[in-house]
Amino acid sequence: MPQIIVLPHQELCPQGAAIDAKPGVSICETLLQNDIDIEHACDQACACTTCHVIVREGFESLNTAEDKEEDLLDKAWGLEPKSRLSCQAIVADQDLVVEIPKYSINMAKEGMPKPKP
């Protein structure tokens, strides 16, 4: 069974983590199932960039990003050549090393003004 090694993240996973991953399941779902509360404002519908991760090792083993994901990634904070939306990146049979960026673009979390009644 492949593992996902999560590099330390100050808020979500201060010590880092090594977790078992089921092939065919997204990185996001795997992290959430293992108590790493990665942001996913659109409920994993590929409609935002809050679950953006950088795949430091094992990138080539992931499914190919579709155009919609690529378009959204252009808006992600800290975009790198091996960036993926974790809700769309499906684990295969190879270990992965992922970094959760320090920041994300999450309008709900950033306190958008509430509409007036």
Protein backbone atom coordinates (compact mmCIF):
# COMPACT_ATOMS: atom_id res chain seq x y z
CA MET A 1 0.00 0.00 0.00
CA PRO A 2 1.44 3.40 -0.94
CA GLN A 3 2.11 6.07 1.66
CA ILE A 4 1.60 9.78 1.61
CA ILE A 5 4.32 11.61 3.49
CA VAL A 6 3.03 15.03 4.50
CA LEU A 7 5.74 17.58 5.16
CA PRO A 8 5.30 19.64 8.34
CA HIS A 9 2.70 22.41 8.13
CA GLN A 10 2.56 24.87 11.01
CA GLU A 11 -1.23 24.66 11.51
CA LEU A 12 -2.47 21.43 9.94
CA CYS A 13 0.31 18.95 10.66
CA PRO A 14 3.14 20.49 12.72
CA GLN A 15 5.15 17.25 12.99
CA GLY A 16 4.46 16.04 9.45
CA ALA A 17 2.89 12.62 8.90
CA ALA A 18 3.23 9.33 7.07
CA ILE A 19 -0.12 7.78 6.25
CA ASP A 20 -1.24 4.74 4.30
CA ALA A 21 -3.17 5.59 1.15
CA LYS A 22 -5.60 3.52 -0.87
CA PRO A 23 -4.97 3.59 -4.61
CA GLY A 24 -7.90 5.20 -6.42
CA VAL A 25 -8.64 7.69 -3.63
CA SER A 26 -7.76 11.39 -3.86
CA ILE A 27 -4.98 12.92 -1.81
CA CYS A 28 -7.54 15.27 -0.22
CA GLU A 29 -9.86 12.45 0.88
CA THR A 30 -6.92 10.47 2.25
CA LEU A 31 -5.67 13.43 4.28
CA LEU A 32 -9.14 14.15 5.67
CA GLN A 33 -9.63 10.49 6.63
CA ASN A 34 -6.39 10.72 8.61
CA ASP A 35 -7.26 13.85 10.59
CA ILE A 36 -5.24 16.27 8.46
CA ASP A 37 -7.87 18.96 7.97
CA ILE A 38 -6.79 20.36 4.61
CA GLU A 39 -9.06 23.12 3.38
CA HIS A 40 -11.60 22.10 0.75
CA ALA A 41 -14.05 24.99 0.50
CA CYS A 42 -15.87 23.59 -2.56
CA ASP A 43 -16.35 20.15 -0.98
CA GLN A 44 -13.91 18.57 -3.44
CA ALA A 45 -15.86 19.62 -6.55
CA CYS A 46 -12.88 21.15 -8.40
CA ALA A 47 -14.32 24.64 -8.03
CA CYS A 48 -11.69 26.38 -5.88
CA THR A 49 -7.99 26.15 -5.02
CA THR A 50 -8.08 25.73 -1.24
CA CYS A 51 -6.86 22.11 -1.35
CA HIS A 52 -3.77 22.98 -3.41
CA VAL A 53 -0.72 20.84 -2.62
CA ILE A 54 2.78 20.58 -4.05
CA VAL A 55 3.79 17.01 -4.84
CA ARG A 56 7.50 16.85 -4.01
CA GLU A 57 7.88 13.14 -4.88
CA GLY A 58 5.71 10.75 -6.88
CA PHE A 59 4.10 13.40 -9.10
CA GLU A 60 4.43 11.28 -12.22
CA SER A 61 2.35 8.46 -10.68
CA LEU A 62 -0.75 10.65 -10.32
CA ASN A 63 -3.55 10.85 -12.87
CA THR A 64 -3.18 13.65 -15.43
CA ALA A 65 -4.73 16.97 -14.46
CA GLU A 66 -7.74 17.94 -16.56
CA ASP A 67 -8.13 21.39 -18.13
CA LYS A 68 -10.52 22.61 -15.40
CA GLU A 69 -7.97 21.78 -12.70
CA GLU A 70 -5.16 23.42 -14.67
CA ASP A 71 -7.24 26.60 -15.07
CA LEU A 72 -7.96 26.75 -11.34
CA LEU A 73 -4.35 26.07 -10.40
CA ASP A 74 -3.37 29.28 -12.19
CA LYS A 75 -5.14 31.09 -9.32
CA ALA A 76 -3.53 29.12 -6.49
CA TRP A 77 -1.18 30.80 -4.04
CA GLY A 78 2.41 29.54 -4.35
CA LEU A 79 1.88 27.65 -7.62
CA GLU A 80 4.77 25.41 -8.67
CA PRO A 81 5.28 23.05 -11.64
CA LYS A 82 4.29 20.05 -9.48
CA SER A 83 1.19 21.67 -7.95
CA ARG A 84 -2.11 19.80 -7.92
CA LEU A 85 -5.54 20.23 -6.41
CA SER A 86 -5.54 17.43 -3.88
CA CYS A 87 -9.23 16.71 -4.53
CA GLN A 88 -8.38 15.83 -8.13
CA ALA A 89 -5.03 14.06 -7.64
CA ILE A 90 -5.73 10.34 -7.38
CA VAL A 91 -3.26 8.11 -5.57
CA ALA A 92 -1.82 5.27 -7.66
CA ASP A 93 0.65 2.65 -6.43
CA GLN A 94 3.62 4.88 -5.64
CA ASP A 95 4.54 6.72 -2.42
CA LEU A 96 3.99 10.47 -2.46
CA VAL A 97 5.60 13.33 -0.59
CA VAL A 98 3.29 16.35 -0.41
CA GLU A 99 3.62 19.84 0.93
CA ILE A 100 0.56 21.83 1.92
CA PRO A 101 1.32 25.48 1.14
CA LYS A 102 1.36 27.91 4.05
CA TYR A 103 -1.46 29.98 2.55
CA SER A 104 -4.54 29.36 0.44
CA ILE A 105 -7.04 31.59 -1.27
CA ASN A 106 -10.17 30.96 0.74
CA MET A 107 -12.61 33.81 0.62
CA ALA A 108 -14.87 32.27 3.29
CA LYS A 109 -11.98 31.92 5.72
CA GLU A 110 -10.64 35.40 4.95
CA GLY A 111 -13.89 36.91 6.21
CA MET A 112 -15.79 38.11 3.17
CA PRO A 113 -18.43 40.65 4.17
CA LYS A 114 -21.78 39.05 4.85
CA PRO A 115 -24.64 40.16 2.59
CA LYS A 116 -27.10 42.58 4.20
CA PRO A 117 -30.63 41.21 4.70
